[in-house]
PDB file of N, CA and C in Angstrom:
ATOM      1  N   UNK A   1     -10.681 -29.140  32.320  1.00  0.00           N
ATOM      2  CA  UNK A   1      -9.648 -29.584  33.222  1.00  0.00           C
ATOM      3  C   UNK A   1      -8.321 -28.943  32.829  1.00  0.00           C
ATOM      4  N   UNK A   2      -7.622 -28.442  33.800  1.00  0.00           N
ATOM      5  CA  UNK A   2      -6.351 -27.766  33.561  1.00  0.00           C
ATOM      6  C   UNK A   2      -5.218 -28.792  33.483  1.00  0.00           C
ATOM      7  N   UNK A   3      -4.451 -28.714  32.395  1.00  0.00           N
ATOM      8  CA  UNK A   3      -3.324 -29.623  32.174  1.00  0.00           C
ATOM      9  C   UNK A   3      -2.147 -28.799  31.664  1.00  0.00           C
ATOM     10  N   UNK A   4      -1.043 -29.459  31.391  1.00  0.00           N
ATOM     11  CA  UNK A   4       0.066 -28.819  30.697  1.00  0.00           C
ATOM     12  C   UNK A   4       0.576 -29.772  29.633  1.00  0.00           C
ATOM     13  N   UNK A   5       0.446 -29.372  28.373  1.00  0.00           N
ATOM     14  CA  UNK A   5       0.863 -30.199  27.248  1.00  0.00           C
ATOM     15  C   UNK A   5       2.104 -29.573  26.627  1.00  0.00           C
ATOM     16  N   UNK A   6       3.235 -30.258  26.757  1.00  0.00           N
ATOM     17  CA  UNK A   6       4.509 -29.730  26.265  1.00  0.00           C
ATOM     18  C   UNK A   6       4.504 -29.516  24.756  1.00  0.00           C
ATOM     19  N   UNK A   7       3.910 -30.436  24.014  1.00  0.00           N
ATOM     20  CA  UNK A   7       3.883 -30.314  22.547  1.00  0.00           C
ATOM     21  C   UNK A   7       3.233 -28.997  22.124  1.00  0.00           C
ATOM     22  N   UNK A   8       2.073 -28.711  22.683  1.00  0.00           N
ATOM     23  CA  UNK A   8       1.383 -27.471  22.308  1.00  0.00           C
ATOM     24  C   UNK A   8       2.094 -26.240  22.863  1.00  0.00           C
ATOM     25  N   UNK A   9       2.755 -26.395  24.012  1.00  0.00           N
ATOM     26  CA  UNK A   9       3.533 -25.280  24.545  1.00  0.00           C
ATOM     27  C   UNK A   9       4.656 -24.892  23.586  1.00  0.00           C
ATOM     28  N   UNK A  10       5.384 -25.903  23.092  1.00  0.00           N
ATOM     29  CA  UNK A  10       6.477 -25.632  22.153  1.00  0.00           C
ATOM     30  C   UNK A  10       5.947 -25.044  20.844  1.00  0.00           C
ATOM     31  N   UNK A  11       4.836 -25.569  20.359  1.00  0.00           N
ATOM     32  CA  UNK A  11       4.233 -25.011  19.144  1.00  0.00           C
ATOM     33  C   UNK A  11       3.796 -23.563  19.362  1.00  0.00           C
ATOM     34  N   UNK A  12       3.236 -23.285  20.538  1.00  0.00           N
ATOM     35  CA  UNK A  12       2.834 -21.908  20.867  1.00  0.00           C
ATOM     36  C   UNK A  12       4.049 -20.987  20.852  1.00  0.00           C
ATOM     37  N   UNK A  13       5.131 -21.418  21.481  1.00  0.00           N
ATOM     38  CA  UNK A  13       6.347 -20.597  21.536  1.00  0.00           C
ATOM     39  C   UNK A  13       6.918 -20.349  20.143  1.00  0.00           C
ATOM     40  N   UNK A  14       6.968 -21.385  19.320  1.00  0.00           N
ATOM     41  CA  UNK A  14       7.499 -21.239  17.960  1.00  0.00           C
ATOM     42  C   UNK A  14       6.630 -20.307  17.134  1.00  0.00           C
ATOM     43  N   UNK A  15       5.315 -20.506  17.200  1.00  0.00           N
ATOM     44  CA  UNK A  15       4.404 -19.645  16.433  1.00  0.00           C
ATOM     45  C   UNK A  15       4.463 -18.196  16.922  1.00  0.00           C
ATOM     46  N   UNK A  16       4.614 -18.015  18.241  1.00  0.00           N
ATOM     47  CA  UNK A  16       4.743 -16.662  18.771  1.00  0.00           C
ATOM     48  C   UNK A  16       5.994 -15.979  18.220  1.00  0.00           C
ATOM     49  N   UNK A  17       7.098 -16.701  18.198  1.00  0.00           N
ATOM     50  CA  UNK A  17       8.341 -16.133  17.648  1.00  0.00           C
ATOM     51  C   UNK A  17       8.194 -15.811  16.159  1.00  0.00           C
ATOM     52  N   UNK A  18       7.516 -16.673  15.423  1.00  0.00           N
ATOM     53  CA  UNK A  18       7.271 -16.399  14.002  1.00  0.00           C
ATOM     54  C   UNK A  18       6.422 -15.146  13.848  1.00  0.00           C
ATOM     55  N   UNK A  19       5.385 -15.020  14.660  1.00  0.00           N
ATOM     56  CA  UNK A  19       4.527 -13.831  14.594  1.00  0.00           C
ATOM     57  C   UNK A  19       5.301 -12.554  14.923  1.00  0.00           C
ATOM     58  N   UNK A  20       6.167 -12.623  15.927  1.00  0.00           N
ATOM     59  CA  UNK A  20       6.988 -11.458  16.275  1.00  0.00           C
ATOM     60  C   UNK A  20       7.913 -11.110  15.120  1.00  0.00           C
ATOM     61  N   UNK A  21       8.536 -12.100  14.521  1.00  0.00           N
ATOM     62  CA  UNK A  21       9.416 -11.856  13.368  1.00  0.00           C
ATOM     63  C   UNK A  21       8.653 -11.232  12.207  1.00  0.00           C
ATOM     64  N   UNK A  22       7.454 -11.728  11.950  1.00  0.00           N
ATOM     65  CA  UNK A  22       6.632 -11.142  10.888  1.00  0.00           C
ATOM     66  C   UNK A  22       6.315  -9.688  11.212  1.00  0.00           C
ATOM     67  N   UNK A  23       5.931  -9.421  12.460  1.00  0.00           N
ATOM     68  CA  UNK A  23       5.566  -8.062  12.859  1.00  0.00           C
ATOM     69  C   UNK A  23       6.746  -7.099  12.780  1.00  0.00           C
ATOM     70  N   UNK A  24       7.935  -7.581  13.131  1.00  0.00           N
ATOM     71  CA  UNK A  24       9.101  -6.705  13.198  1.00  0.00           C
ATOM     72  C   UNK A  24       9.820  -6.564  11.861  1.00  0.00           C
ATOM     73  N   UNK A  25       9.923  -7.667  11.122  1.00  0.00           N
ATOM     74  CA  UNK A  25      10.793  -7.670   9.948  1.00  0.00           C
ATOM     75  C   UNK A  25      10.079  -7.686   8.591  1.00  0.00           C
ATOM     76  N   UNK A  26       8.805  -8.013   8.573  1.00  0.00           N
ATOM     77  CA  UNK A  26       8.097  -8.126   7.295  1.00  0.00           C
ATOM     78  C   UNK A  26       7.154  -6.942   7.146  1.00  0.00           C
ATOM     79  N   UNK A  27       7.305  -6.239   6.033  1.00  0.00           N
ATOM     80  CA  UNK A  27       6.442  -5.083   5.786  1.00  0.00           C
ATOM     81  C   UNK A  27       5.979  -5.115   4.333  1.00  0.00           C
ATOM     82  N   UNK A  28       5.068  -6.030   4.061  1.00  0.00           N
ATOM     83  CA  UNK A  28       4.506  -6.118   2.723  1.00  0.00           C
ATOM     84  C   UNK A  28       3.027  -6.471   2.850  1.00  0.00           C
ATOM     85  N   UNK A  29       2.344  -6.611   1.733  1.00  0.00           N
ATOM     86  CA  UNK A  29       0.882  -6.642   1.774  1.00  0.00           C
ATOM     87  C   UNK A  29       0.239  -8.031   1.796  1.00  0.00           C
ATOM     88  N   UNK A  30       1.012  -9.107   1.881  1.00  0.00           N
ATOM     89  CA  UNK A  30       0.386 -10.423   1.944  1.00  0.00           C
ATOM     90  C   UNK A  30       0.783 -11.196   3.203  1.00  0.00           C
ATOM     91  N   UNK A  31       2.072 -11.345   3.424  1.00  0.00           N
ATOM     92  CA  UNK A  31       2.518 -12.168   4.548  1.00  0.00           C
ATOM     93  C   UNK A  31       2.108 -11.544   5.874  1.00  0.00           C
ATOM     94  N   UNK A  32       2.398 -10.289   6.056  1.00  0.00           N
ATOM     95  CA  UNK A  32       2.107  -9.678   7.353  1.00  0.00           C
ATOM     96  C   UNK A  32       0.612  -9.657   7.672  1.00  0.00           C
ATOM     97  N   UNK A  33      -0.230  -9.121   6.795  1.00  0.00           N
ATOM     98  CA  UNK A  33      -1.641  -9.065   7.189  1.00  0.00           C
ATOM     99  C   UNK A  33      -2.389 -10.390   7.043  1.00  0.00           C
ATOM    100  N   UNK A  34      -2.093 -11.181   6.018  1.00  0.00           N
ATOM    101  CA  UNK A  34      -2.902 -12.371   5.771  1.00  0.00           C
ATOM    102  C   UNK A  34      -2.321 -13.615   6.438  1.00  0.00           C
ATOM    103  N   UNK A  35      -1.087 -13.952   6.129  1.00  0.00           N
ATOM    104  CA  UNK A  35      -0.458 -15.134   6.733  1.00  0.00           C
ATOM    105  C   UNK A  35      -0.346 -14.949   8.244  1.00  0.00           C
ATOM    106  N   UNK A  36      -0.066 -13.728   8.673  1.00  0.00           N
ATOM    107  CA  UNK A  36      -0.021 -13.449  10.110  1.00  0.00           C
ATOM    108  C   UNK A  36      -1.338 -13.761  10.793  1.00  0.00           C
ATOM    109  N   UNK A  37      -2.464 -13.450  10.131  1.00  0.00           N
ATOM    110  CA  UNK A  37      -3.781 -13.746  10.704  1.00  0.00           C
ATOM    111  C   UNK A  37      -4.096 -15.237  10.670  1.00  0.00           C
ATOM    112  N   UNK A  38      -3.657 -15.927   9.638  1.00  0.00           N
ATOM    113  CA  UNK A  38      -3.827 -17.387   9.603  1.00  0.00           C
ATOM    114  C   UNK A  38      -3.067 -18.001  10.774  1.00  0.00           C
ATOM    115  N   UNK A  39      -1.824 -17.566  10.956  1.00  0.00           N
ATOM    116  CA  UNK A  39      -0.981 -18.130  12.010  1.00  0.00           C
ATOM    117  C   UNK A  39      -1.454 -17.766  13.414  1.00  0.00           C
ATOM    118  N   UNK A  40      -2.060 -16.580  13.564  1.00  0.00           N
ATOM    119  CA  UNK A  40      -2.475 -16.180  14.911  1.00  0.00           C
ATOM    120  C   UNK A  40      -3.597 -17.086  15.418  1.00  0.00           C
ATOM    121  N   UNK A  41      -4.462 -17.551  14.538  1.00  0.00           N
ATOM    122  CA  UNK A  41      -5.508 -18.488  14.954  1.00  0.00           C
ATOM    123  C   UNK A  41      -4.880 -19.808  15.411  1.00  0.00           C
ATOM    124  N   UNK A  42      -3.885 -20.267  14.682  1.00  0.00           N
ATOM    125  CA  UNK A  42      -3.198 -21.502  15.052  1.00  0.00           C
ATOM    126  C   UNK A  42      -2.442 -21.303  16.367  1.00  0.00           C
ATOM    127  N   UNK A  43      -1.837 -20.136  16.538  1.00  0.00           N
ATOM    128  CA  UNK A  43      -1.135 -19.795  17.775  1.00  0.00           C
ATOM    129  C   UNK A  43      -2.092 -19.824  18.971  1.00  0.00           C
ATOM    130  N   UNK A  44      -3.227 -19.176  18.855  1.00  0.00           N
ATOM    131  CA  UNK A  44      -4.185 -19.148  19.965  1.00  0.00           C
ATOM    132  C   UNK A  44      -4.704 -20.549  20.253  1.00  0.00           C
ATOM    133  N   UNK A  45      -4.969 -21.314  19.204  1.00  0.00           N
ATOM    134  CA  UNK A  45      -5.408 -22.702  19.375  1.00  0.00           C
ATOM    135  C   UNK A  45      -4.363 -23.497  20.165  1.00  0.00           C
ATOM    136  N   UNK A  46      -3.108 -23.394  19.761  1.00  0.00           N
ATOM    137  CA  UNK A  46      -2.037 -24.125  20.462  1.00  0.00           C
ATOM    138  C   UNK A  46      -1.925 -23.676  21.912  1.00  0.00           C
ATOM    139  N   UNK A  47      -2.106 -22.377  22.157  1.00  0.00           N
ATOM    140  CA  UNK A  47      -2.066 -21.868  23.524  1.00  0.00           C
ATOM    141  C   UNK A  47      -3.195 -22.477  24.359  1.00  0.00           C
ATOM    142  N   UNK A  48      -4.399 -22.518  23.801  1.00  0.00           N
ATOM    143  CA  UNK A  48      -5.538 -23.111  24.509  1.00  0.00           C
ATOM    144  C   UNK A  48      -5.265 -24.579  24.811  1.00  0.00           C
ATOM    145  N   UNK A  49      -4.747 -25.307  23.827  1.00  0.00           N
ATOM    146  CA  UNK A  49      -4.490 -26.734  24.004  1.00  0.00           C
ATOM    147  C   UNK A  49      -3.299 -26.997  24.930  1.00  0.00           C
ATOM    148  N   UNK A  50      -2.448 -25.999  25.151  1.00  0.00           N
ATOM    149  CA  UNK A  50      -1.350 -26.145  26.107  1.00  0.00           C
ATOM    150  C   UNK A  50      -1.887 -26.393  27.506  1.00  0.00           C
ATOM    151  N   UNK A  51      -2.996 -25.741  27.846  1.00  0.00           N
ATOM    152  CA  UNK A  51      -3.519 -25.787  29.212  1.00  0.00           C
ATOM    153  C   UNK A  51      -4.872 -26.472  29.340  1.00  0.00           C
ATOM    154  N   UNK A  52      -5.414 -26.963  28.243  1.00  0.00           N
ATOM    155  CA  UNK A  52      -6.741 -27.569  28.291  1.00  0.00           C
ATOM    156  C   UNK A  52      -6.784 -28.820  27.434  1.00  0.00           C
ATOM    157  N   UNK A  53      -7.508 -29.805  27.892  1.00  0.00           N
ATOM    158  CA  UNK A  53      -7.662 -31.057  27.158  1.00  0.00           C
ATOM    159  C   UNK A  53      -8.977 -31.065  26.374  1.00  0.00           C
ATOM    160  N   UNK A  54      -9.475 -29.898  26.035  1.00  0.00           N
ATOM    161  CA  UNK A  54     -10.728 -29.764  25.302  1.00  0.00           C
ATOM    162  C   UNK A  54     -10.575 -30.404  23.919  1.00  0.00           C
ATOM    163  N   UNK A  55     -11.647 -30.953  23.397  1.00  0.00           N
ATOM    164  CA  UNK A  55     -11.617 -31.603  22.084  1.00  0.00           C
ATOM    165  C   UNK A  55     -11.154 -30.612  21.022  1.00  0.00           C
ATOM    166  N   UNK A  56     -10.373 -31.095  20.078  1.00  0.00           N
ATOM    167  CA  UNK A  56      -9.763 -30.221  19.072  1.00  0.00           C
ATOM    168  C   UNK A  56     -10.797 -29.417  18.274  1.00  0.00           C
ATOM    169  N   UNK A  57     -11.910 -30.023  17.923  1.00  0.00           N
ATOM    170  CA  UNK A  57     -12.936 -29.304  17.147  1.00  0.00           C
ATOM    171  C   UNK A  57     -13.547 -28.171  17.955  1.00  0.00           C
ATOM    172  N   UNK A  58     -13.832 -28.430  19.219  1.00  0.00           N
ATOM    173  CA  UNK A  58     -14.415 -27.391  20.074  1.00  0.00           C
ATOM    174  C   UNK A  58     -13.414 -26.266  20.275  1.00  0.00           C
ATOM    175  N   UNK A  59     -12.157 -26.614  20.520  1.00  0.00           N
ATOM    176  CA  UNK A  59     -11.125 -25.587  20.713  1.00  0.00           C
ATOM    177  C   UNK A  59     -10.953 -24.749  19.451  1.00  0.00           C
ATOM    178  N   UNK A  60     -10.856 -25.403  18.295  1.00  0.00           N
ATOM    179  CA  UNK A  60     -10.639 -24.682  17.040  1.00  0.00           C
ATOM    180  C   UNK A  60     -11.803 -23.758  16.718  1.00  0.00           C
ATOM    181  N   UNK A  61     -13.022 -24.250  16.857  1.00  0.00           N
ATOM    182  CA  UNK A  61     -14.189 -23.419  16.549  1.00  0.00           C
ATOM    183  C   UNK A  61     -14.365 -22.292  17.569  1.00  0.00           C
ATOM    184  N   UNK A  62     -13.980 -22.541  18.815  1.00  0.00           N
ATOM    185  CA  UNK A  62     -14.027 -21.482  19.836  1.00  0.00           C
ATOM    186  C   UNK A  62     -13.020 -20.383  19.518  1.00  0.00           C
ATOM    187  N   UNK A  63     -11.833 -20.767  19.095  1.00  0.00           N
ATOM    188  CA  UNK A  63     -10.819 -19.777  18.717  1.00  0.00           C
ATOM    189  C   UNK A  63     -11.296 -18.991  17.500  1.00  0.00           C
ATOM    190  N   UNK A  64     -11.915 -19.670  16.534  1.00  0.00           N
ATOM    191  CA  UNK A  64     -12.461 -18.978  15.361  1.00  0.00           C
ATOM    192  C   UNK A  64     -13.525 -17.966  15.787  1.00  0.00           C
ATOM    193  N   UNK A  65     -14.435 -18.375  16.665  1.00  0.00           N
ATOM    194  CA  UNK A  65     -15.486 -17.469  17.147  1.00  0.00           C
ATOM    195  C   UNK A  65     -14.883 -16.274  17.889  1.00  0.00           C
ATOM    196  N   UNK A  66     -13.881 -16.534  18.725  1.00  0.00           N
ATOM    197  CA  UNK A  66     -13.194 -15.464  19.447  1.00  0.00           C
ATOM    198  C   UNK A  66     -12.546 -14.480  18.475  1.00  0.00           C
ATOM    199  N   UNK A  67     -11.858 -15.012  17.471  1.00  0.00           N
ATOM    200  CA  UNK A  67     -11.173 -14.165  16.481  1.00  0.00           C
ATOM    201  C   UNK A  67     -12.165 -13.309  15.707  1.00  0.00           C
ATOM    202  N   UNK A  68     -13.272 -13.925  15.308  1.00  0.00           N
ATOM    203  CA  UNK A  68     -14.304 -13.176  14.577  1.00  0.00           C
ATOM    204  C   UNK A  68     -14.935 -12.103  15.460  1.00  0.00           C
ATOM    205  N   UNK A  69     -15.106 -12.417  16.739  1.00  0.00           N
ATOM    206  CA  UNK A  69     -15.662 -11.427  17.673  1.00  0.00           C
ATOM    207  C   UNK A  69     -14.746 -10.215  17.778  1.00  0.00           C
ATOM    208  N   UNK A  70     -13.453 -10.449  17.911  1.00  0.00           N
ATOM    209  CA  UNK A  70     -12.494  -9.339  17.968  1.00  0.00           C
ATOM    210  C   UNK A  70     -12.558  -8.527  16.673  1.00  0.00           C
ATOM    211  N   UNK A  71     -12.649  -9.215  15.544  1.00  0.00           N
ATOM    212  CA  UNK A  71     -12.713  -8.526  14.248  1.00  0.00           C
ATOM    213  C   UNK A  71     -13.975  -7.674  14.148  1.00  0.00           C
ATOM    214  N   UNK A  72     -15.101  -8.203  14.598  1.00  0.00           N
ATOM    215  CA  UNK A  72     -16.355  -7.443  14.561  1.00  0.00           C
ATOM    216  C   UNK A  72     -16.278  -6.242  15.503  1.00  0.00           C
ATOM    217  N   UNK A  73     -15.657  -6.420  16.650  1.00  0.00           N
ATOM    218  CA  UNK A  73     -15.482  -5.295  17.566  1.00  0.00           C
ATOM    219  C   UNK A  73     -14.618  -4.201  16.941  1.00  0.00           C
ATOM    220  N   UNK A  74     -13.692  -4.574  16.073  1.00  0.00           N
ATOM    221  CA  UNK A  74     -12.891  -3.576  15.358  1.00  0.00           C
ATOM    222  C   UNK A  74     -13.777  -2.688  14.497  1.00  0.00           C
ATOM    223  N   UNK A  75     -14.807  -3.269  13.920  1.00  0.00           N
ATOM    224  CA  UNK A  75     -15.752  -2.496  13.100  1.00  0.00           C
ATOM    225  C   UNK A  75     -16.366  -1.364  13.924  1.00  0.00           C
ATOM    226  N   UNK A  76     -16.605  -1.634  15.203  1.00  0.00           N
ATOM    227  CA  UNK A  76     -17.214  -0.640  16.091  1.00  0.00           C
ATOM    228  C   UNK A  76     -16.177   0.213  16.815  1.00  0.00           C
ATOM    229  N   UNK A  77     -14.891   0.083  16.423  1.00  0.00           N
ATOM    230  CA  UNK A  77     -13.817   0.921  16.952  1.00  0.00           C
ATOM    231  C   UNK A  77     -13.679   0.794  18.475  1.00  0.00           C
ATOM    232  N   UNK A  78     -13.750  -0.452  18.958  1.00  0.00           N
ATOM    233  CA  UNK A  78     -13.787  -0.670  20.404  1.00  0.00           C
ATOM    234  C   UNK A  78     -12.491  -0.301  21.110  1.00  0.00           C
ATOM    235  N   UNK A  79     -11.357  -0.309  20.418  1.00  0.00           N
ATOM    236  CA  UNK A  79     -10.095   0.069  21.067  1.00  0.00           C
ATOM    237  C   UNK A  79     -10.181   1.525  21.526  1.00  0.00           C
ATOM    238  N   UNK A  80     -10.709   2.389  20.665  1.00  0.00           N
ATOM    239  CA  UNK A  80     -10.850   3.799  21.044  1.00  0.00           C
ATOM    240  C   UNK A  80     -11.965   3.998  22.056  1.00  0.00           C
ATOM    241  N   UNK A  81     -13.049   3.266  21.918  1.00  0.00           N
ATOM    242  CA  UNK A  81     -14.158   3.393  22.863  1.00  0.00           C
ATOM    243  C   UNK A  81     -13.709   3.042  24.277  1.00  0.00           C
ATOM    244  N   UNK A  82     -12.857   2.019  24.396  1.00  0.00           N
ATOM    245  CA  UNK A  82     -12.356   1.612  25.715  1.00  0.00           C
ATOM    246  C   UNK A  82     -11.139   2.418  26.163  1.00  0.00           C
ATOM    247  N   UNK A  83     -10.652   3.318  25.317  1.00  0.00           N
ATOM    248  CA  UNK A  83      -9.509   4.150  25.660  1.00  0.00           C
ATOM    249  C   UNK A  83      -8.190   3.402  25.655  1.00  0.00           C
ATOM    250  N   UNK A  84      -8.086   2.353  24.830  1.00  0.00           N
ATOM    251  CA  UNK A  84      -6.878   1.534  24.814  1.00  0.00           C
ATOM    252  C   UNK A  84      -5.871   1.959  23.754  1.00  0.00           C
ATOM    253  N   UNK A  85      -6.192   2.962  22.961  1.00  0.00           N
ATOM    254  CA  UNK A  85      -5.312   3.376  21.867  1.00  0.00           C
ATOM    255  C   UNK A  85      -3.959   3.868  22.355  1.00  0.00           C
ATOM    256  N   UNK A  86      -3.865   4.309  23.601  1.00  0.00           N
ATOM    257  CA  UNK A  86      -2.589   4.802  24.122  1.00  0.00           C
ATOM    258  C   UNK A  86      -1.634   3.669  24.503  1.00  0.00           C
ATOM    259  N   UNK A  87      -2.153   2.438  24.569  1.00  0.00           N
ATOM    260  CA  UNK A  87      -1.329   1.268  24.855  1.00  0.00           C
ATOM    261  C   UNK A  87      -1.006   0.592  23.527  1.00  0.00           C
ATOM    262  N   UNK A  88       0.121   0.991  22.931  1.00  0.00           N
ATOM    263  CA  UNK A  88       0.441   0.609  21.557  1.00  0.00           C
ATOM    264  C   UNK A  88       0.417  -0.897  21.305  1.00  0.00           C
ATOM    265  N   UNK A  89       1.058  -1.668  22.151  1.00  0.00           N
ATOM    266  CA  UNK A  89       1.123  -3.116  21.932  1.00  0.00           C
ATOM    267  C   UNK A  89      -0.274  -3.719  21.983  1.00  0.00           C
ATOM    268  N   UNK A  90      -1.072  -3.306  22.947  1.00  0.00           N
ATOM    269  CA  UNK A  90      -2.443  -3.811  23.066  1.00  0.00           C
ATOM    270  C   UNK A  90      -3.288  -3.380  21.873  1.00  0.00           C
ATOM    271  N   UNK A  91      -3.146  -2.127  21.475  1.00  0.00           N
ATOM    272  CA  UNK A  91      -3.913  -1.624  20.331  1.00  0.00           C
ATOM    273  C   UNK A  91      -3.544  -2.365  19.046  1.00  0.00           C
ATOM    274  N   UNK A  92      -2.266  -2.652  18.855  1.00  0.00           N
ATOM    275  CA  UNK A  92      -1.836  -3.398  17.668  1.00  0.00           C
ATOM    276  C   UNK A  92      -2.335  -4.836  17.739  1.00  0.00           C
ATOM    277  N   UNK A  93      -2.245  -5.455  18.913  1.00  0.00           N
ATOM    278  CA  UNK A  93      -2.674  -6.848  19.069  1.00  0.00           C
ATOM    279  C   UNK A  93      -4.175  -7.001  18.818  1.00  0.00           C
ATOM    280  N   UNK A  94      -4.963  -6.061  19.299  1.00  0.00           N
ATOM    281  CA  UNK A  94      -6.414  -6.138  19.115  1.00  0.00           C
ATOM    282  C   UNK A  94      -6.856  -5.625  17.755  1.00  0.00           C
ATOM    283  N   UNK A  95      -6.040  -4.813  17.144  1.00  0.00           N
ATOM    284  CA  UNK A  95      -6.374  -4.288  15.821  1.00  0.00           C
ATOM    285  C   UNK A  95      -7.345  -3.126  15.904  1.00  0.00           C
ATOM    286  N   UNK A  96      -7.445  -2.406  14.797  1.00  0.00           N
ATOM    287  CA  UNK A  96      -8.332  -1.248  14.800  1.00  0.00           C
ATOM    288  C   UNK A  96      -9.116  -1.092  13.506  1.00  0.00           C
ATOM    289  N   UNK A  97      -8.867  -1.964  12.524  1.00  0.00           N
ATOM    290  CA  UNK A  97      -9.529  -1.836  11.232  1.00  0.00           C
ATOM    291  C   UNK A  97     -10.211  -3.155  10.877  1.00  0.00           C
ATOM    292  N   UNK A  98     -11.521  -3.101  10.684  1.00  0.00           N
ATOM    293  CA  UNK A  98     -12.267  -4.292  10.274  1.00  0.00           C
ATOM    294  C   UNK A  98     -11.957  -4.618   8.821  1.00  0.00           C
ATOM    295  N   UNK A  99     -11.767  -5.910   8.540  1.00  0.00           N
ATOM    296  CA  UNK A  99     -11.511  -6.346   7.166  1.00  0.00           C
ATOM    297  C   UNK A  99     -12.044  -7.764   6.997  1.00  0.00           C
ATOM    298  N   UNK A 100     -12.886  -7.964   6.002  1.00  0.00           N
ATOM    299  CA  UNK A 100     -13.433  -9.296   5.733  1.00  0.00           C
ATOM    300  C   UNK A 100     -12.331 -10.306   5.435  1.00  0.00           C
ATOM    301  N   UNK A 101     -11.230  -9.839   4.847  1.00  0.00           N
ATOM    302  CA  UNK A 101     -10.122 -10.751   4.534  1.00  0.00           C
ATOM    303  C   UNK A 101      -9.539 -11.371   5.798  1.00  0.00           C
ATOM    304  N   UNK A 102      -9.610 -10.653   6.897  1.00  0.00           N
ATOM    305  CA  UNK A 102      -9.122 -11.209   8.163  1.00  0.00           C
ATOM    306  C   UNK A 102      -9.976 -12.402   8.586  1.00  0.00           C
ATOM    307  N   UNK A 103     -11.282 -12.295   8.419  1.00  0.00           N
ATOM    308  CA  UNK A 103     -12.166 -13.404   8.776  1.00  0.00           C
ATOM    309  C   UNK A 103     -11.889 -14.610   7.876  1.00  0.00           C
ATOM    310  N   UNK A 104     -11.613 -14.356   6.602  1.00  0.00           N
ATOM    311  CA  UNK A 104     -11.229 -15.449   5.695  1.00  0.00           C
ATOM    312  C   UNK A 104      -9.931 -16.099   6.184  1.00  0.00           C
ATOM    313  N   UNK A 105      -8.963 -15.274   6.594  1.00  0.00           N
ATOM    314  CA  UNK A 105      -7.699 -15.807   7.121  1.00  0.00           C
ATOM    315  C   UNK A 105      -7.938 -16.637   8.376  1.00  0.00           C
ATOM    316  N   UNK A 106      -8.819 -16.172   9.260  1.00  0.00           N
ATOM    317  CA  UNK A 106      -9.136 -16.941  10.467  1.00  0.00           C
ATOM    318  C   UNK A 106      -9.770 -18.281  10.086  1.00  0.00           C
ATOM    319  N   UNK A 107     -10.619 -18.265   9.076  1.00  0.00           N
ATOM    320  CA  UNK A 107     -11.231 -19.505   8.607  1.00  0.00           C
ATOM    321  C   UNK A 107     -10.189 -20.472   8.067  1.00  0.00           C
ATOM    322  N   UNK A 108      -9.246 -19.956   7.293  1.00  0.00           N
ATOM    323  CA  UNK A 108      -8.174 -20.813   6.757  1.00  0.00           C
ATOM    324  C   UNK A 108      -7.330 -21.389   7.892  1.00  0.00           C
ATOM    325  N   UNK A 109      -7.022 -20.572   8.887  1.00  0.00           N
ATOM    326  CA  UNK A 109      -6.276 -21.061  10.048  1.00  0.00           C
ATOM    327  C   UNK A 109      -7.041 -22.140  10.792  1.00  0.00           C
ATOM    328  N   UNK A 110      -8.342 -21.952  10.950  1.00  0.00           N
ATOM    329  CA  UNK A 110      -9.179 -22.940  11.643  1.00  0.00           C
ATOM    330  C   UNK A 110      -9.258 -24.239  10.852  1.00  0.00           C
ATOM    331  N   UNK A 111      -9.454 -24.130   9.551  1.00  0.00           N
ATOM    332  CA  UNK A 111      -9.498 -25.328   8.699  1.00  0.00           C
ATOM    333  C   UNK A 111      -8.161 -26.063   8.749  1.00  0.00           C
ATOM    334  N   UNK A 112      -7.072 -25.310   8.757  1.00  0.00           N
ATOM    335  CA  UNK A 112      -5.740 -25.921   8.847  1.00  0.00           C
ATOM    336  C   UNK A 112      -5.598 -26.707  10.146  1.00  0.00           C
ATOM    337  N   UNK A 113      -6.001 -26.104  11.247  1.00  0.00           N
ATOM    338  CA  UNK A 113      -5.925 -26.786  12.548  1.00  0.00           C
ATOM    339  C   UNK A 113      -6.780 -28.050  12.536  1.00  0.00           C
ATOM    340  N   UNK A 114      -8.009 -27.940  12.053  1.00  0.00           N
ATOM    341  CA  UNK A 114      -8.890 -29.105  12.023  1.00  0.00           C
ATOM    342  C   UNK A 114      -8.325 -30.208  11.149  1.00  0.00           C
ATOM    343  N   UNK A 115      -7.757 -29.846  10.010  1.00  0.00           N
ATOM    344  CA  UNK A 115      -7.160 -30.830   9.108  1.00  0.00           C
ATOM    345  C   UNK A 115      -5.959 -31.504   9.775  1.00  0.00           C
ATOM    346  N   UNK A 116      -5.080 -30.693  10.382  1.00  0.00           N
ATOM    347  CA  UNK A 116      -3.890 -31.262  11.022  1.00  0.00           C
ATOM    348  C   UNK A 116      -4.245 -32.175  12.194  1.00  0.00           C
ATOM    349  N   UNK A 117      -5.251 -31.785  12.957  1.00  0.00           N
ATOM    350  CA  UNK A 117      -5.631 -32.575  14.135  1.00  0.00           C
ATOM    351  C   UNK A 117      -6.398 -33.847  13.777  1.00  0.00           C
ATOM    352  N   UNK A 118      -7.048 -33.877  12.624  1.00  0.00           N
ATOM    353  CA  UNK A 118      -7.909 -35.010  12.281  1.00  0.00           C
ATOM    354  C   UNK A 118      -7.420 -35.810  11.086  1.00  0.00           C
ATOM    355  N   UNK A 119      -6.166 -35.659  10.711  1.00  0.00           N
ATOM    356  CA  UNK A 119      -5.662 -36.335   9.515  1.00  0.00           C
ATOM    357  C   UNK A 119      -5.303 -37.795   9.744  1.00  0.00           C
ATOM    358  N   UNK A 120      -5.363 -38.270  10.964  1.00  0.00           N
ATOM    359  CA  UNK A 120      -5.020 -39.673  11.222  1.00  0.00           C
ATOM    360  C   UNK A 120      -6.194 -40.590  11.003  1.00  0.00           C
TER     361      UNK A 120
END
């Protein structure tokens, strides 16, 4: 069912701004690649929950599966196969290098979401 949840909308906007700041201003080997990946899972989760009343566990695990799918597609160099490398923003957003650490970061982001949503 399609809804609009202001709380998740604001969280999505804040996390998006944080991600942009990390991408533009941070150039080091931990925050940008690892914390950025943890936060992107939380960002996508908040975006999904902005427009859907789906149960938090289903949403979180779906976002984790989606993130892992994108990461696995990076292993097969799908950005170049689809000819998307010329679209810089899209190529950066989808990524081009497979890394197991990214999947670990997605897992940490998913666990964080599940913990935050179920701590009551």
